[in-house]
Amino acid sequence: MGDRWTLLLVAALLDGPRRFGELGSAVPGIATNVLTSRLRELERDGLVMAVPYSRRPLRVDYHLTSVGAELAGALRLLAAWGGTADDTHGPRHGSCGTPMEVRYWCPTCARMDGEDEDIHV
C-alpha cells in the first residue's frame, strides 16, 4: 500500500469498475508498466480483482474487492488531512459544491459522532 500510485488507483476504483485505459486516464502521469505492476500487486494482496469482459482478446475490468472497498474511509480521512486551507482540493458535494466532511458512523446504533457522548477513540 505504500508504493507510489497505489492509493490513487484504489481511490480511482472507489466509484466503480474501470478498464486499464480508464485507470491510466484517472491517474495522470502513471506509466503503463507501473500501472500494470501496481494492479498485479493489488490483485495479489486481495484488494483488486480483474473480471474478464472479453475472452478473445482477453480484456478485464478492475474491481475493488470488499477488502479494497474498506479502504474508502481511510482514503477519505487522508484526503481531508491533506486538504489545503483554500479548500480547492478534496471531495465536494455534487449538488451544492460544499467541501465534504468525514464523520464517524456506528452501523449498529445508526448514529453519528456528536449525537451522544459514548465515542471512544
C-alpha atoms as a PDB file:
ATOM      1  CA  MET A   1       0.000   0.000   0.000  1.00  0.00           C
ATOM      2  CA  GLY A   2       2.932   2.337   0.486  1.00  0.00           C
ATOM      3  CA  ASP A   3       4.082   2.284  -3.132  1.00  0.00           C
ATOM      4  CA  ARG A   4       3.674   5.372  -5.234  1.00  0.00           C
ATOM      5  CA  TRP A   5       0.376   5.380  -7.203  1.00  0.00           C
ATOM      6  CA  THR A   6      -1.261   2.580  -5.183  1.00  0.00           C
ATOM      7  CA  LEU A   7      -3.645   4.717  -3.133  1.00  0.00           C
ATOM      8  CA  LEU A   8      -4.518   6.787  -6.193  1.00  0.00           C
ATOM      9  CA  LEU A   9      -5.506   3.601  -8.034  1.00  0.00           C
ATOM     10  CA  VAL A  10      -7.643   2.424  -5.123  1.00  0.00           C
ATOM     11  CA  ALA A  11      -9.283   5.859  -4.978  1.00  0.00           C
ATOM     12  CA  ALA A  12      -9.972   5.718  -8.730  1.00  0.00           C
ATOM     13  CA  LEU A  13     -11.746   2.391  -8.253  1.00  0.00           C
ATOM     14  CA  LEU A  14     -13.995   3.607  -5.429  1.00  0.00           C
ATOM     15  CA  ASP A  15     -16.519   4.911  -7.961  1.00  0.00           C
ATOM     16  CA  GLY A  16     -16.803   1.500  -9.583  1.00  0.00           C
ATOM     17  CA  PRO A  17     -15.040  -0.816 -12.014  1.00  0.00           C
ATOM     18  CA  ARG A  18     -12.670   0.610 -14.592  1.00  0.00           C
ATOM     19  CA  ARG A  19     -10.712  -0.701 -17.530  1.00  0.00           C
ATOM     20  CA  PHE A  20      -6.949  -0.394 -17.831  1.00  0.00           C
ATOM     21  CA  GLY A  21      -7.068   2.680 -20.082  1.00  0.00           C
ATOM     22  CA  GLU A  22      -9.649   4.357 -17.852  1.00  0.00           C
ATOM     23  CA  LEU A  23      -7.389   3.862 -14.846  1.00  0.00           C
ATOM     24  CA  GLY A  24      -4.476   5.348 -16.764  1.00  0.00           C
ATOM     25  CA  SER A  25      -6.590   8.418 -17.520  1.00  0.00           C
ATOM     26  CA  ALA A  26      -7.885   8.647 -13.944  1.00  0.00           C
ATOM     27  CA  VAL A  27      -4.333   8.680 -12.566  1.00  0.00           C
ATOM     28  CA  PRO A  28      -2.470  11.139 -14.786  1.00  0.00           C
ATOM     29  CA  GLY A  29       1.253  10.615 -15.059  1.00  0.00           C
ATOM     30  CA  ILE A  30       1.339   6.901 -14.267  1.00  0.00           C
ATOM     31  CA  ALA A  31       3.352   4.902 -16.797  1.00  0.00           C
ATOM     32  CA  THR A  32       1.640   1.831 -18.268  1.00  0.00           C
ATOM     33  CA  ASN A  33       4.308  -0.535 -16.919  1.00  0.00           C
ATOM     34  CA  VAL A  34       3.854   0.918 -13.410  1.00  0.00           C
ATOM     35  CA  LEU A  35       0.062   0.692 -13.748  1.00  0.00           C
ATOM     36  CA  THR A  36       0.377  -2.977 -14.705  1.00  0.00           C
ATOM     37  CA  SER A  37       2.733  -3.645 -11.797  1.00  0.00           C
ATOM     38  CA  ARG A  38       0.540  -1.890  -9.214  1.00  0.00           C
ATOM     39  CA  LEU A  39      -2.614  -3.637 -10.411  1.00  0.00           C
ATOM     40  CA  ARG A  40      -0.895  -7.015 -10.138  1.00  0.00           C
ATOM     41  CA  GLU A  41       0.267  -6.174  -6.610  1.00  0.00           C
ATOM     42  CA  LEU A  42      -3.216  -5.062  -5.615  1.00  0.00           C
ATOM     43  CA  GLU A  43      -4.647  -8.298  -7.034  1.00  0.00           C
ATOM     44  CA  ARG A  44      -2.041 -10.361  -5.188  1.00  0.00           C
ATOM     45  CA  ASP A  45      -2.894  -8.538  -1.947  1.00  0.00           C
ATOM     46  CA  GLY A  46      -6.623  -9.223  -2.422  1.00  0.00           C
ATOM     47  CA  LEU A  47      -7.669  -5.582  -2.825  1.00  0.00           C
ATOM     48  CA  VAL A  48      -8.493  -5.653  -6.541  1.00  0.00           C
ATOM     49  CA  MET A  49      -9.857  -8.331  -8.835  1.00  0.00           C
ATOM     50  CA  ALA A  50      -9.741  -8.478 -12.615  1.00  0.00           C
ATOM     51  CA  VAL A  51     -13.076  -9.548 -14.097  1.00  0.00           C
ATOM     52  CA  PRO A  52     -12.998 -10.537 -17.797  1.00  0.00           C
ATOM     53  CA  TYR A  53     -15.477  -8.820 -20.086  1.00  0.00           C
ATOM     54  CA  SER A  54     -13.953 -10.282 -23.275  1.00  0.00           C
ATOM     55  CA  ARG A  55     -12.238 -13.650 -23.734  1.00  0.00           C
ATOM     56  CA  ARG A  56     -10.733 -13.102 -27.197  1.00  0.00           C
ATOM     57  CA  PRO A  57      -8.782 -10.988 -26.814  1.00  0.00           C
ATOM     58  CA  LEU A  58      -8.720 -11.185 -23.040  1.00  0.00           C
ATOM     59  CA  ARG A  59      -9.843  -7.867 -21.592  1.00  0.00           C
ATOM     60  CA  VAL A  60     -10.751  -7.158 -17.974  1.00  0.00           C
ATOM     61  CA  ASP A  61     -12.481  -4.636 -15.751  1.00  0.00           C
ATOM     62  CA  TYR A  62     -10.745  -3.939 -12.455  1.00  0.00           C
ATOM     63  CA  HIS A  63     -12.984  -4.024  -9.377  1.00  0.00           C
ATOM     64  CA  LEU A  64     -12.239  -3.408  -5.722  1.00  0.00           C
ATOM     65  CA  THR A  65     -12.842  -6.437  -3.549  1.00  0.00           C
ATOM     66  CA  SER A  66     -14.804  -5.956  -0.337  1.00  0.00           C
ATOM     67  CA  VAL A  67     -11.464  -5.641   1.483  1.00  0.00           C
ATOM     68  CA  GLY A  68     -10.318  -2.986  -1.004  1.00  0.00           C
ATOM     69  CA  ALA A  69     -13.581  -1.074  -0.618  1.00  0.00           C
ATOM     70  CA  GLU A  70     -12.988  -0.920   3.143  1.00  0.00           C
ATOM     71  CA  LEU A  71     -10.133   1.481   2.399  1.00  0.00           C
ATOM     72  CA  ALA A  72     -12.656   4.159   1.396  1.00  0.00           C
ATOM     73  CA  GLY A  73     -12.899   5.551   4.912  1.00  0.00           C
ATOM     74  CA  ALA A  74      -9.141   5.713   5.344  1.00  0.00           C
ATOM     75  CA  LEU A  75      -8.744   7.407   1.961  1.00  0.00           C
ATOM     76  CA  ARG A  76     -11.376   9.999   2.868  1.00  0.00           C
ATOM     77  CA  LEU A  77      -9.553  10.734   6.124  1.00  0.00           C
ATOM     78  CA  LEU A  78      -6.264  11.103   4.267  1.00  0.00           C
ATOM     79  CA  ALA A  79      -7.885  13.393   1.701  1.00  0.00           C
ATOM     80  CA  ALA A  80      -9.334  15.571   4.467  1.00  0.00           C
ATOM     81  CA  TRP A  81      -5.993  15.647   6.284  1.00  0.00           C
ATOM     82  CA  GLY A  82      -4.099  16.506   3.121  1.00  0.00           C
ATOM     83  CA  GLY A  83      -6.525  19.228   2.027  1.00  0.00           C
ATOM     84  CA  THR A  84      -5.283  22.790   1.722  1.00  0.00           C
ATOM     85  CA  ALA A  85      -6.519  25.840   3.578  1.00  0.00           C
ATOM     86  CA  ASP A  86      -8.153  27.265   0.457  1.00  0.00           C
ATOM     87  CA  ASP A  87     -10.457  24.221   0.119  1.00  0.00           C
ATOM     88  CA  THR A  88      -9.638  23.724  -3.568  1.00  0.00           C
ATOM     89  CA  HIS A  89      -8.877  20.024  -3.070  1.00  0.00           C
ATOM     90  CA  GLY A  90     -10.849  17.107  -1.772  1.00  0.00           C
ATOM     91  CA  PRO A  91     -14.344  15.818  -2.419  1.00  0.00           C
ATOM     92  CA  ARG A  92     -17.244  18.222  -2.790  1.00  0.00           C
ATOM     93  CA  HIS A  93     -20.991  17.691  -2.604  1.00  0.00           C
ATOM     94  CA  GLY A  94     -22.298  17.279  -6.145  1.00  0.00           C
ATOM     95  CA  SER A  95     -25.430  19.387  -5.666  1.00  0.00           C
ATOM     96  CA  CYS A  96     -24.087  22.491  -3.939  1.00  0.00           C
ATOM     97  CA  GLY A  97     -20.281  22.254  -4.186  1.00  0.00           C
ATOM     98  CA  THR A  98     -19.639  22.416  -0.434  1.00  0.00           C
ATOM     99  CA  PRO A  99     -16.472  20.570   0.728  1.00  0.00           C
ATOM    100  CA  MET A 100     -17.422  17.204   2.213  1.00  0.00           C
ATOM    101  CA  GLU A 101     -16.620  16.331   5.831  1.00  0.00           C
ATOM    102  CA  VAL A 102     -15.605  12.979   7.260  1.00  0.00           C
ATOM    103  CA  ARG A 103     -17.866  11.697  10.039  1.00  0.00           C
ATOM    104  CA  TYR A 104     -17.701   8.573  12.168  1.00  0.00           C
ATOM    105  CA  TRP A 105     -20.792   6.383  11.887  1.00  0.00           C
ATOM    106  CA  CYS A 106     -21.851   3.455  14.046  1.00  0.00           C
ATOM    107  CA  PRO A 107     -23.625   0.933  11.801  1.00  0.00           C
ATOM    108  CA  THR A 108     -25.033  -0.908  14.828  1.00  0.00           C
ATOM    109  CA  CYS A 109     -26.660   2.085  16.525  1.00  0.00           C
ATOM    110  CA  ALA A 110     -27.175   4.054  13.290  1.00  0.00           C
ATOM    111  CA  ARG A 111     -25.721   7.160  14.916  1.00  0.00           C
ATOM    112  CA  MET A 112     -23.002   9.617  14.003  1.00  0.00           C
ATOM    113  CA  ASP A 113     -20.378  11.050  16.296  1.00  0.00           C
ATOM    114  CA  GLY A 114     -21.571  14.057  18.221  1.00  0.00           C
ATOM    115  CA  GLU A 115     -25.048  12.599  18.734  1.00  0.00           C
ATOM    116  CA  ASP A 116     -24.041  11.192  22.097  1.00  0.00           C
ATOM    117  CA  GLU A 117     -21.029  11.158  24.393  1.00  0.00           C
ATOM    118  CA  ASP A 118     -20.210   7.446  24.068  1.00  0.00           C
ATOM    119  CA  ILE A 119     -17.455   7.808  21.473  1.00  0.00           C
ATOM    120  CA  HIS A 120     -14.123   6.252  22.383  1.00  0.00           C
ATOM    121  CA  VAL A 121     -11.075   6.622  20.182  1.00  0.00           C
END
